[in-house]
Amino acid sequence: MNLPTNLDALSPDELRTLAAQLMAQVGEKDRELRYRQAKIDQLTHELAIHKRWKFGKRSEQLTSEQASLLDEAIDADLEAIETELEALLPWVAPIGCLQAHCAPVNARLPS
């Protein structure tokens, strides 16, 4: 959406139209944000369940082959969930990016 450079030059009807468009845009962004947060909450819950299955004590005893197959399936599920969570959280900057923007410490300061 292109916003006019001078809002004082707009008529009252044009201002109302602009306000309605901006309100619709905010509502759309809000709906998208709520959807993404619900998806993140769902995946976080699912991740916790899978971790409980993987690391929790089980009352039944599995053969080593069964345990290996179960671990492989759980690992694949965990990776898929983590990948999907990373895709939903593009605004989180990796630590390396944050450290690259840090200013060097002033040499005049005592160490």
PDB file of N, CA and C in Angstrom:
ATOM      1  N   MET A   1       0.844  -1.162   0.000  1.00  0.00           N
ATOM      2  CA  MET A   1       0.000   0.000   0.000  1.00  0.00           C
ATOM      3  C   MET A   1       0.894   1.231   0.000  1.00  0.00           C
ATOM      4  N   ASN A   2       0.612   2.151  -0.866  1.00  0.00           N
ATOM      5  CA  ASN A   2       1.365   3.402  -0.944  1.00  0.00           C
ATOM      6  C   ASN A   2       0.663   4.464  -0.120  1.00  0.00           C
ATOM      7  N   LEU A   3       1.355   4.959   0.887  1.00  0.00           N
ATOM      8  CA  LEU A   3       0.791   6.017   1.716  1.00  0.00           C
ATOM      9  C   LEU A   3       1.117   7.366   1.097  1.00  0.00           C
ATOM     10  N   PRO A   4       0.180   8.291   1.146  1.00  0.00           N
ATOM     11  CA  PRO A   4       0.463   9.629   0.606  1.00  0.00           C
ATOM     12  C   PRO A   4       1.514  10.325   1.474  1.00  0.00           C
ATOM     13  N   THR A   5       2.292  11.191   0.838  1.00  0.00           N
ATOM     14  CA  THR A   5       3.353  11.880   1.568  1.00  0.00           C
ATOM     15  C   THR A   5       2.807  12.974   2.468  1.00  0.00           C
ATOM     16  N   ASN A   6       1.708  13.612   2.080  1.00  0.00           N
ATOM     17  CA  ASN A   6       1.147  14.704   2.868  1.00  0.00           C
ATOM     18  C   ASN A   6      -0.300  14.375   3.227  1.00  0.00           C
ATOM     19  N   LEU A   7      -0.514  13.987   4.472  1.00  0.00           N
ATOM     20  CA  LEU A   7      -1.868  13.638   4.905  1.00  0.00           C
ATOM     21  C   LEU A   7      -2.763  14.866   5.031  1.00  0.00           C
ATOM     22  N   ASP A   8      -2.177  16.032   5.213  1.00  0.00           N
ATOM     23  CA  ASP A   8      -2.975  17.258   5.333  1.00  0.00           C
ATOM     24  C   ASP A   8      -3.694  17.598   4.031  1.00  0.00           C
ATOM     25  N   ALA A   9      -3.167  17.125   2.904  1.00  0.00           N
ATOM     26  CA  ALA A   9      -3.754  17.447   1.606  1.00  0.00           C
ATOM     27  C   ALA A   9      -4.945  16.552   1.266  1.00  0.00           C
ATOM     28  N   LEU A  10      -5.181  15.505   2.057  1.00  0.00           N
ATOM     29  CA  LEU A  10      -6.278  14.579   1.767  1.00  0.00           C
ATOM     30  C   LEU A  10      -7.599  15.127   2.280  1.00  0.00           C
ATOM     31  N   SER A  11      -8.645  14.795   1.563  1.00  0.00           N
ATOM     32  CA  SER A  11      -9.987  15.189   1.990  1.00  0.00           C
ATOM     33  C   SER A  11     -10.439  14.253   3.119  1.00  0.00           C
ATOM     34  N   PRO A  12     -11.481  14.623   3.849  1.00  0.00           N
ATOM     35  CA  PRO A  12     -11.979  13.750   4.923  1.00  0.00           C
ATOM     36  C   PRO A  12     -12.386  12.367   4.418  1.00  0.00           C
ATOM     37  N   ASP A  13     -12.995  12.299   3.232  1.00  0.00           N
ATOM     38  CA  ASP A  13     -13.388  10.999   2.684  1.00  0.00           C
ATOM     39  C   ASP A  13     -12.163  10.149   2.362  1.00  0.00           C
ATOM     40  N   GLU A  14     -11.142  10.785   1.819  1.00  0.00           N
ATOM     41  CA  GLU A  14      -9.912  10.050   1.503  1.00  0.00           C
ATOM     42  C   GLU A  14      -9.227   9.572   2.784  1.00  0.00           C
ATOM     43  N   LEU A  15      -9.270  10.376   3.822  1.00  0.00           N
ATOM     44  CA  LEU A  15      -8.699   9.969   5.107  1.00  0.00           C
ATOM     45  C   LEU A  15      -9.460   8.786   5.704  1.00  0.00           C
ATOM     46  N   ARG A  16     -10.796   8.811   5.582  1.00  0.00           N
ATOM     47  CA  ARG A  16     -11.598   7.690   6.072  1.00  0.00           C
ATOM     48  C   ARG A  16     -11.265   6.415   5.303  1.00  0.00           C
ATOM     49  N   THR A  17     -11.130   6.537   3.985  1.00  0.00           N
ATOM     50  CA  THR A  17     -10.790   5.383   3.153  1.00  0.00           C
ATOM     51  C   THR A  17      -9.423   4.833   3.539  1.00  0.00           C
ATOM     52  N   LEU A  18      -8.463   5.738   3.719  1.00  0.00           N
ATOM     53  CA  LEU A  18      -7.115   5.326   4.113  1.00  0.00           C
ATOM     54  C   LEU A  18      -7.132   4.644   5.475  1.00  0.00           C
ATOM     55  N   ALA A  19      -7.885   5.208   6.418  1.00  0.00           N
ATOM     56  CA  ALA A  19      -7.985   4.619   7.754  1.00  0.00           C
ATOM     57  C   ALA A  19      -8.612   3.231   7.684  1.00  0.00           C
ATOM     58  N   ALA A  20      -9.648   3.070   6.863  1.00  0.00           N
ATOM     59  CA  ALA A  20     -10.304   1.767   6.717  1.00  0.00           C
ATOM     60  C   ALA A  20      -9.340   0.744   6.123  1.00  0.00           C
ATOM     61  N   GLN A  21      -8.560   1.162   5.127  1.00  0.00           N
ATOM     62  CA  GLN A  21      -7.587   0.258   4.517  1.00  0.00           C
ATOM     63  C   GLN A  21      -6.520  -0.154   5.527  1.00  0.00           C
ATOM     64  N   LEU A  22      -6.041   0.807   6.299  1.00  0.00           N
ATOM     65  CA  LEU A  22      -5.022   0.501   7.301  1.00  0.00           C
ATOM     66  C   LEU A  22      -5.571  -0.410   8.397  1.00  0.00           C
ATOM     67  N   MET A  23      -6.825  -0.187   8.798  1.00  0.00           N
ATOM     68  CA  MET A  23      -7.441  -1.050   9.803  1.00  0.00           C
ATOM     69  C   MET A  23      -7.612  -2.470   9.275  1.00  0.00           C
ATOM     70  N   ALA A  24      -7.983  -2.599   8.007  1.00  0.00           N
ATOM     71  CA  ALA A  24      -8.115  -3.926   7.404  1.00  0.00           C
ATOM     72  C   ALA A  24      -6.759  -4.622   7.351  1.00  0.00           C
ATOM     73  N   GLN A  25      -5.730  -3.864   7.023  1.00  0.00           N
ATOM     74  CA  GLN A  25      -4.382  -4.435   6.949  1.00  0.00           C
ATOM     75  C   GLN A  25      -3.913  -4.889   8.334  1.00  0.00           C
ATOM     76  N   VAL A  26      -4.193  -4.105   9.356  1.00  0.00           N
ATOM     77  CA  VAL A  26      -3.822  -4.481  10.722  1.00  0.00           C
ATOM     78  C   VAL A  26      -4.584  -5.736  11.148  1.00  0.00           C
ATOM     79  N   GLY A  27      -5.868  -5.813  10.807  1.00  0.00           N
ATOM     80  CA  GLY A  27      -6.654  -7.002  11.133  1.00  0.00           C
ATOM     81  C   GLY A  27      -6.111  -8.245  10.457  1.00  0.00           C
ATOM     82  N   GLU A  28      -5.704  -8.104   9.220  1.00  0.00           N
ATOM     83  CA  GLU A  28      -5.133  -9.228   8.482  1.00  0.00           C
ATOM     84  C   GLU A  28      -3.831  -9.693   9.135  1.00  0.00           C
ATOM     85  N   LYS A  29      -2.986  -8.750   9.500  1.00  0.00           N
ATOM     86  CA  LYS A  29      -1.716  -9.087  10.159  1.00  0.00           C
ATOM     87  C   LYS A  29      -1.978  -9.749  11.511  1.00  0.00           C
ATOM     88  N   ASP A  30      -2.994  -9.269  12.223  1.00  0.00           N
ATOM     89  CA  ASP A  30      -3.336  -9.832  13.522  1.00  0.00           C
ATOM     90  C   ASP A  30      -3.802 -11.275  13.386  1.00  0.00           C
ATOM     91  N   ARG A  31      -4.631 -11.551  12.367  1.00  0.00           N
ATOM     92  CA  ARG A  31      -5.089 -12.921  12.128  1.00  0.00           C
ATOM     93  C   ARG A  31      -3.913 -13.834  11.796  1.00  0.00           C
ATOM     94  N   GLU A  32      -3.005 -13.350  10.966  1.00  0.00           N
ATOM     95  CA  GLU A  32      -1.834 -14.149  10.603  1.00  0.00           C
ATOM     96  C   GLU A  32      -0.970 -14.421  11.832  1.00  0.00           C
ATOM     97  N   LEU A  33      -0.811 -13.432  12.682  1.00  0.00           N
ATOM     98  CA  LEU A  33      -0.017 -13.590  13.892  1.00  0.00           C
ATOM     99  C   LEU A  33      -0.649 -14.608  14.836  1.00  0.00           C
ATOM    100  N   ARG A  34      -1.975 -14.528  15.005  1.00  0.00           N
ATOM    101  CA  ARG A  34      -2.656 -15.499  15.864  1.00  0.00           C
ATOM    102  C   ARG A  34      -2.527 -16.913  15.312  1.00  0.00           C
ATOM    103  N   TYR A  35      -2.636 -17.074  13.981  1.00  0.00           N
ATOM    104  CA  TYR A  35      -2.487 -18.393  13.366  1.00  0.00           C
ATOM    105  C   TYR A  35      -1.083 -18.936  13.613  1.00  0.00           C
ATOM    106  N   ARG A  36      -0.077 -18.094  13.373  1.00  0.00           N
ATOM    107  CA  ARG A  36       1.307 -18.540  13.560  1.00  0.00           C
ATOM    108  C   ARG A  36       1.579 -18.899  15.021  1.00  0.00           C
ATOM    109  N   GLN A  37       1.063 -18.110  15.952  1.00  0.00           N
ATOM    110  CA  GLN A  37       1.296 -18.401  17.364  1.00  0.00           C
ATOM    111  C   GLN A  37       0.619 -19.709  17.757  1.00  0.00           C
ATOM    112  N   ALA A  38      -0.584 -19.959  17.245  1.00  0.00           N
ATOM    113  CA  ALA A  38      -1.274 -21.218  17.529  1.00  0.00           C
ATOM    114  C   ALA A  38      -0.482 -22.396  16.975  1.00  0.00           C
ATOM    115  N   LYS A  39       0.059 -22.240  15.772  1.00  0.00           N
ATOM    116  CA  LYS A  39       0.856 -23.309  15.163  1.00  0.00           C
ATOM    117  C   LYS A  39       2.129 -23.550  15.976  1.00  0.00           C
ATOM    118  N   ILE A  40       2.777 -22.478  16.427  1.00  0.00           N
ATOM    119  CA  ILE A  40       3.985 -22.612  17.244  1.00  0.00           C
ATOM    120  C   ILE A  40       3.656 -23.317  18.558  1.00  0.00           C
ATOM    121  N   ASP A  41       2.547 -22.934  19.191  1.00  0.00           N
ATOM    122  CA  ASP A  41       2.142 -23.579  20.440  1.00  0.00           C
ATOM    123  C   ASP A  41       1.860 -25.062  20.221  1.00  0.00           C
ATOM    124  N   GLN A  42       1.187 -25.375  19.123  1.00  0.00           N
ATOM    125  CA  GLN A  42       0.874 -26.766  18.803  1.00  0.00           C
ATOM    126  C   GLN A  42       2.153 -27.571  18.592  1.00  0.00           C
ATOM    127  N   LEU A  43       3.092 -27.040  17.830  1.00  0.00           N
ATOM    128  CA  LEU A  43       4.336 -27.753  17.562  1.00  0.00           C
ATOM    129  C   LEU A  43       5.196 -27.874  18.818  1.00  0.00           C
ATOM    130  N   THR A  44       5.189 -26.853  19.656  1.00  0.00           N
ATOM    131  CA  THR A  44       5.947 -26.924  20.904  1.00  0.00           C
ATOM    132  C   THR A  44       5.385 -28.016  21.803  1.00  0.00           C
ATOM    133  N   HIS A  45       4.063 -28.109  21.871  1.00  0.00           N
ATOM    134  CA  HIS A  45       3.428 -29.163  22.657  1.00  0.00           C
ATOM    135  C   HIS A  45       3.772 -30.544  22.090  1.00  0.00           C
ATOM    136  N   GLU A  46       3.687 -30.667  20.780  1.00  0.00           N
ATOM    137  CA  GLU A  46       4.007 -31.942  20.138  1.00  0.00           C
ATOM    138  C   GLU A  46       5.469 -32.313  20.375  1.00  0.00           C
ATOM    139  N   LEU A  47       6.350 -31.337  20.334  1.00  0.00           N
ATOM    140  CA  LEU A  47       7.768 -31.570  20.587  1.00  0.00           C
ATOM    141  C   LEU A  47       7.971 -32.073  22.012  1.00  0.00           C
ATOM    142  N   ALA A  48       7.266 -31.488  22.967  1.00  0.00           N
ATOM    143  CA  ALA A  48       7.380 -31.930  24.358  1.00  0.00           C
ATOM    144  C   ALA A  48       6.900 -33.368  24.517  1.00  0.00           C
ATOM    145  N   ILE A  49       5.822 -33.717  23.837  1.00  0.00           N
ATOM    146  CA  ILE A  49       5.313 -35.092  23.906  1.00  0.00           C
ATOM    147  C   ILE A  49       6.337 -36.065  23.328  1.00  0.00           C
ATOM    148  N   HIS A  50       6.909 -35.716  22.175  1.00  0.00           N
ATOM    149  CA  HIS A  50       7.899 -36.603  21.562  1.00  0.00           C
ATOM    150  C   HIS A  50       9.133 -36.742  22.443  1.00  0.00           C
ATOM    151  N   LYS A  51       9.541 -35.675  23.082  1.00  0.00           N
ATOM    152  CA  LYS A  51      10.700 -35.761  23.975  1.00  0.00           C
ATOM    153  C   LYS A  51      10.381 -36.631  25.186  1.00  0.00           C
ATOM    154  N   ARG A  52       9.146 -36.535  25.692  1.00  0.00           N
ATOM    155  CA  ARG A  52       8.751 -37.404  26.801  1.00  0.00           C
ATOM    156  C   ARG A  52       8.785 -38.865  26.376  1.00  0.00           C
ATOM    157  N   TRP A  53       8.320 -39.152  25.170  1.00  0.00           N
ATOM    158  CA  TRP A  53       8.363 -40.521  24.677  1.00  0.00           C
ATOM    159  C   TRP A  53       9.803 -41.007  24.560  1.00  0.00           C
ATOM    160  N   LYS A  54      10.661 -40.141  24.080  1.00  0.00           N
ATOM    161  CA  LYS A  54      12.041 -40.555  23.842  1.00  0.00           C
ATOM    162  C   LYS A  54      12.818 -40.702  25.140  1.00  0.00           C
ATOM    163  N   PHE A  55      12.692 -39.738  26.046  1.00  0.00           N
ATOM    164  CA  PHE A  55      13.547 -39.715  27.221  1.00  0.00           C
ATOM    165  C   PHE A  55      12.865 -40.212  28.496  1.00  0.00           C
ATOM    166  N   GLY A  56      11.573 -40.441  28.453  1.00  0.00           N
ATOM    167  CA  GLY A  56      10.862 -40.878  29.645  1.00  0.00           C
ATOM    168  C   GLY A  56      11.041 -42.365  29.912  1.00  0.00           C
ATOM    169  N   LYS A  57      10.810 -42.749  31.169  1.00  0.00           N
ATOM    170  CA  LYS A  57      10.861 -44.165  31.533  1.00  0.00           C
ATOM    171  C   LYS A  57       9.619 -44.849  30.974  1.00  0.00           C
ATOM    172  N   ARG A  58       9.834 -46.021  30.474  1.00  0.00           N
ATOM    173  CA  ARG A  58       8.710 -46.793  29.945  1.00  0.00           C
ATOM    174  C   ARG A  58       8.526 -48.035  30.806  1.00  0.00           C
ATOM    175  N   SER A  59       7.298 -48.413  31.041  1.00  0.00           N
ATOM    176  CA  SER A  59       7.035 -49.592  31.862  1.00  0.00           C
ATOM    177  C   SER A  59       7.267 -50.875  31.068  1.00  0.00           C
ATOM    178  N   GLU A  60       7.092 -50.811  29.756  1.00  0.00           N
ATOM    179  CA  GLU A  60       7.301 -52.006  28.942  1.00  0.00           C
ATOM    180  C   GLU A  60       8.758 -52.084  28.484  1.00  0.00           C
ATOM    181  N   GLN A  61       9.223 -53.288  28.330  1.00  0.00           N
ATOM    182  CA  GLN A  61      10.594 -53.506  27.880  1.00  0.00           C
ATOM    183  C   GLN A  61      10.587 -53.789  26.383  1.00  0.00           C
ATOM    184  N   LEU A  62      11.436 -53.083  25.653  1.00  0.00           N
ATOM    185  CA  LEU A  62      11.543 -53.274  24.212  1.00  0.00           C
ATOM    186  C   LEU A  62      12.837 -54.004  23.893  1.00  0.00           C
ATOM    187  N   THR A  63      12.788 -54.785  22.835  1.00  0.00           N
ATOM    188  CA  THR A  63      14.033 -55.393  22.368  1.00  0.00           C
ATOM    189  C   THR A  63      14.909 -54.285  21.806  1.00  0.00           C
ATOM    190  N   SER A  64      16.181 -54.569  21.658  1.00  0.00           N
ATOM    191  CA  SER A  64      17.097 -53.534  21.168  1.00  0.00           C
ATOM    192  C   SER A  64      16.716 -53.092  19.757  1.00  0.00           C
ATOM    193  N   GLU A  65      16.209 -54.029  18.941  1.00  0.00           N
ATOM    194  CA  GLU A  65      15.797 -53.679  17.576  1.00  0.00           C
ATOM    195  C   GLU A  65      14.568 -52.765  17.598  1.00  0.00           C
ATOM    196  N   GLN A  66      13.595 -53.086  18.448  1.00  0.00           N
ATOM    197  CA  GLN A  66      12.407 -52.249  18.568  1.00  0.00           C
ATOM    198  C   GLN A  66      12.768 -50.860  19.089  1.00  0.00           C
ATOM    199  N   ALA A  67      13.636 -50.816  20.065  1.00  0.00           N
ATOM    200  CA  ALA A  67      14.050 -49.531  20.631  1.00  0.00           C
ATOM    201  C   ALA A  67      14.778 -48.696  19.589  1.00  0.00           C
ATOM    202  N   SER A  68      15.599 -49.349  18.780  1.00  0.00           N
ATOM    203  CA  SER A  68      16.336 -48.639  17.736  1.00  0.00           C
ATOM    204  C   SER A  68      15.373 -48.044  16.709  1.00  0.00           C
ATOM    205  N   LEU A  69      14.385 -48.833  16.287  1.00  0.00           N
ATOM    206  CA  LEU A  69      13.402 -48.339  15.324  1.00  0.00           C
ATOM    207  C   LEU A  69      12.579 -47.189  15.913  1.00  0.00           C
ATOM    208  N   LEU A  70      12.204 -47.322  17.178  1.00  0.00           N
ATOM    209  CA  LEU A  70      11.440 -46.267  17.834  1.00  0.00           C
ATOM    210  C   LEU A  70      12.270 -44.991  17.943  1.00  0.00           C
ATOM    211  N   ASP A  71      13.538 -45.132  18.321  1.00  0.00           N
ATOM    212  CA  ASP A  71      14.416 -43.958  18.425  1.00  0.00           C
ATOM    213  C   ASP A  71      14.577 -43.270  17.076  1.00  0.00           C
ATOM    214  N   GLU A  72      14.721 -44.046  16.013  1.00  0.00           N
ATOM    215  CA  GLU A  72      14.858 -43.460  14.674  1.00  0.00           C
ATOM    216  C   GLU A  72      13.594 -42.685  14.284  1.00  0.00           C
ATOM    217  N   ALA A  73      12.441 -43.270  14.559  1.00  0.00           N
ATOM    218  CA  ALA A  73      11.179 -42.611  14.215  1.00  0.00           C
ATOM    219  C   ALA A  73      10.994 -41.331  15.031  1.00  0.00           C
ATOM    220  N   ILE A  74      11.319 -41.398  16.304  1.00  0.00           N
ATOM    221  CA  ILE A  74      11.179 -40.212  17.158  1.00  0.00           C
ATOM    222  C   ILE A  74      12.159 -39.134  16.732  1.00  0.00           C
ATOM    223  N   ASP A  75      13.401 -39.517  16.420  1.00  0.00           N
ATOM    224  CA  ASP A  75      14.393 -38.535  15.966  1.00  0.00           C
ATOM    225  C   ASP A  75      13.931 -37.838  14.686  1.00  0.00           C
ATOM    226  N   ALA A  76      13.366 -38.609  13.760  1.00  0.00           N
ATOM    227  CA  ALA A  76      12.871 -38.017  12.513  1.00  0.00           C
ATOM    228  C   ALA A  76      11.724 -37.043  12.795  1.00  0.00           C
ATOM    229  N   ASP A  77      10.820 -37.430  13.709  1.00  0.00           N
ATOM    230  CA  ASP A  77       9.713 -36.538  14.078  1.00  0.00           C
ATOM    231  C   ASP A  77      10.226 -35.260  14.732  1.00  0.00           C
ATOM    232  N   LEU A  78      11.196 -35.399  15.632  1.00  0.00           N
ATOM    233  CA  LEU A  78      11.754 -34.225  16.310  1.00  0.00           C
ATOM    234  C   LEU A  78      12.407 -33.273  15.318  1.00  0.00           C
ATOM    235  N   GLU A  79      13.161 -33.811  14.377  1.00  0.00           N
ATOM    236  CA  GLU A  79      13.809 -32.966  13.370  1.00  0.00           C
ATOM    237  C   GLU A  79      12.771 -32.237  12.515  1.00  0.00           C
ATOM    238  N   ALA A  80      11.713 -32.949  12.131  1.00  0.00           N
ATOM    239  CA  ALA A  80      10.672 -32.326  11.307  1.00  0.00           C
ATOM    240  C   ALA A  80       9.970 -31.202  12.068  1.00  0.00           C
ATOM    241  N   ILE A  81       9.679 -31.437  13.336  1.00  0.00           N
ATOM    242  CA  ILE A  81       9.011 -30.415  14.143  1.00  0.00           C
ATOM    243  C   ILE A  81       9.919 -29.211  14.336  1.00  0.00           C
ATOM    244  N   GLU A  82      11.203 -29.459  14.643  1.00  0.00           N
ATOM    245  CA  GLU A  82      12.140 -28.351  14.844  1.00  0.00           C
ATOM    246  C   GLU A  82      12.324 -27.546  13.559  1.00  0.00           C
ATOM    247  N   THR A  83      12.365 -28.215  12.408  1.00  0.00           N
ATOM    248  CA  THR A  83      12.488 -27.518  11.132  1.00  0.00           C
ATOM    249  C   THR A  83      11.270 -26.637  10.881  1.00  0.00           C
ATOM    250  N   GLU A  84      10.090 -27.177  11.187  1.00  0.00           N
ATOM    251  CA  GLU A  84       8.868 -26.398  10.987  1.00  0.00           C
ATOM    252  C   GLU A  84       8.815 -25.200  11.938  1.00  0.00           C
ATOM    253  N   LEU A  85       9.269 -25.400  13.182  1.00  0.00           N
ATOM    254  CA  LEU A  85       9.315 -24.286  14.133  1.00  0.00           C
ATOM    255  C   LEU A  85      10.277 -23.204  13.668  1.00  0.00           C
ATOM    256  N   GLU A  86      11.440 -23.602  13.149  1.00  0.00           N
ATOM    257  CA  GLU A  86      12.411 -22.627  12.653  1.00  0.00           C
ATOM    258  C   GLU A  86      11.837 -21.832  11.484  1.00  0.00           C
ATOM    259  N   ALA A  87      11.044 -22.496  10.649  1.00  0.00           N
ATOM    260  CA  ALA A  87      10.438 -21.796   9.514  1.00  0.00           C
ATOM    261  C   ALA A  87       9.391 -20.786   9.985  1.00  0.00           C
ATOM    262  N   LEU A  88       8.725 -21.086  11.095  1.00  0.00           N
ATOM    263  CA  LEU A  88       7.706 -20.180  11.613  1.00  0.00           C
ATOM    264  C   LEU A  88       8.296 -19.031  12.417  1.00  0.00           C
ATOM    265  N   LEU A  89       9.560 -19.141  12.777  1.00  0.00           N
ATOM    266  CA  LEU A  89      10.202 -18.108  13.584  1.00  0.00           C
ATOM    267  C   LEU A  89      11.319 -17.429  12.815  1.00  0.00           C
ATOM    268  N   PRO A  90      11.009 -16.788  11.682  1.00  0.00           N
ATOM    269  CA  PRO A  90      12.088 -16.180  10.896  1.00  0.00           C
ATOM    270  C   PRO A  90      12.651 -14.929  11.537  1.00  0.00           C
ATOM    271  N   TRP A  91      11.901 -14.330  12.466  1.00  0.00           N
ATOM    272  CA  TRP A  91      12.365 -13.081  13.048  1.00  0.00           C
ATOM    273  C   TRP A  91      13.388 -13.292  14.157  1.00  0.00           C
ATOM    274  N   VAL A  92      13.626 -14.532  14.592  1.00  0.00           N
ATOM    275  CA  VAL A  92      14.616 -14.795  15.632  1.00  0.00           C
ATOM    276  C   VAL A  92      15.986 -14.853  14.980  1.00  0.00           C
ATOM    277  N   ALA A  93      16.884 -13.951  15.372  1.00  0.00           N
ATOM    278  CA  ALA A  93      18.222 -13.886  14.780  1.00  0.00           C
ATOM    279  C   ALA A  93      19.130 -14.902  15.458  1.00  0.00           C
ATOM    280  N   PRO A  94      19.950 -15.607  14.686  1.00  0.00           N
ATOM    281  CA  PRO A  94      20.914 -16.516  15.287  1.00  0.00           C
ATOM    282  C   PRO A  94      21.941 -15.730  16.112  1.00  0.00           C
ATOM    283  N   ILE A  95      22.562 -16.407  17.069  1.00  0.00           N
ATOM    284  CA  ILE A  95      23.511 -15.742  17.963  1.00  0.00           C
ATOM    285  C   ILE A  95      24.669 -15.147  17.184  1.00  0.00           C
ATOM    286  N   GLY A  96      25.159 -15.819  16.161  1.00  0.00           N
ATOM    287  CA  GLY A  96      26.272 -15.310  15.368  1.00  0.00           C
ATOM    288  C   GLY A  96      25.956 -13.967  14.737  1.00  0.00           C
ATOM    289  N   CYS A  97      24.721 -13.782  14.295  1.00  0.00           N
ATOM    290  CA  CYS A  97      24.326 -12.501  13.689  1.00  0.00           C
ATOM    291  C   CYS A  97      24.369 -11.388  14.721  1.00  0.00           C
ATOM    292  N   LEU A  98      23.946 -11.687  15.923  1.00  0.00           N
ATOM    293  CA  LEU A  98      23.932 -10.667  16.964  1.00  0.00           C
ATOM    294  C   LEU A  98      25.349 -10.284  17.361  1.00  0.00           C
ATOM    295  N   GLN A  99      26.256 -11.260  17.428  1.00  0.00           N
ATOM    296  CA  GLN A  99      27.625 -10.978  17.830  1.00  0.00           C
ATOM    297  C   GLN A  99      28.369 -10.209  16.756  1.00  0.00           C
ATOM    298  N   ALA A 100      28.025 -10.377  15.507  1.00  0.00           N
ATOM    299  CA  ALA A 100      28.713  -9.684  14.426  1.00  0.00           C
ATOM    300  C   ALA A 100      28.431  -8.184  14.468  1.00  0.00           C
ATOM    301  N   HIS A 101      27.302  -7.791  15.048  1.00  0.00           N
ATOM    302  CA  HIS A 101      26.931  -6.378  15.089  1.00  0.00           C
ATOM    303  C   HIS A 101      27.437  -5.667  16.342  1.00  0.00           C
ATOM    304  N   CYS A 102      28.075  -6.402  17.243  1.00  0.00           N
ATOM    305  CA  CYS A 102      28.577  -5.792  18.471  1.00  0.00           C
ATOM    306  C   CYS A 102      29.770  -4.906  18.148  1.00  0.00           C
ATOM    307  N   ALA A 103      29.822  -3.771  18.787  1.00  0.00           N
ATOM    308  CA  ALA A 103      30.947  -2.856  18.595  1.00  0.00           C
ATOM    309  C   ALA A 103      32.134  -3.344  19.421  1.00  0.00           C
ATOM    310  N   PRO A 104      33.374  -3.129  18.943  1.00  0.00           N
ATOM    311  CA  PRO A 104      34.538  -3.552  19.715  1.00  0.00           C
ATOM    312  C   PRO A 104      34.661  -2.711  20.983  1.00  0.00           C
ATOM    313  N   VAL A 105      35.248  -3.311  21.984  1.00  0.00           N
ATOM    314  CA  VAL A 105      35.434  -2.625  23.256  1.00  0.00           C
ATOM    315  C   VAL A 105      36.489  -1.543  23.080  1.00  0.00           C
ATOM    316  N   ASN A 106      36.257  -0.402  23.662  1.00  0.00           N
ATOM    317  CA  ASN A 106      37.168   0.726  23.556  1.00  0.00           C
ATOM    318  C   ASN A 106      38.495   0.365  24.223  1.00  0.00           C
ATOM    319  N   ALA A 107      39.622   0.628  23.557  1.00  0.00           N
ATOM    320  CA  ALA A 107      40.942   0.270  24.063  1.00  0.00           C
ATOM    321  C   ALA A 107      41.322   1.108  25.275  1.00  0.00           C
ATOM    322  N   ARG A 108      40.703   2.272  25.437  1.00  0.00           N
ATOM    323  CA  ARG A 108      41.042   3.137  26.567  1.00  0.00           C
ATOM    324  C   ARG A 108      40.429   2.656  27.875  1.00  0.00           C
ATOM    325  N   LEU A 109      39.469   1.781  27.817  1.00  0.00           N
ATOM    326  CA  LEU A 109      38.832   1.305  29.034  1.00  0.00           C
ATOM    327  C   LEU A 109      39.751   0.331  29.759  1.00  0.00           C
ATOM    328  N   PRO A 110      39.767   0.359  31.092  1.00  0.00           N
ATOM    329  CA  PRO A 110      40.602  -0.608  31.823  1.00  0.00           C
ATOM    330  C   PRO A 110      40.014  -2.000  31.671  1.00  0.00           C
ATOM    331  N   SER A 111      40.878  -2.977  31.631  1.00  0.00           N
ATOM    332  CA  SER A 111      40.400  -4.353  31.467  1.00  0.00           C
ATOM    333  C   SER A 111      40.292  -5.070  32.779  1.00  0.00           C
TER     334      SER A 111
END
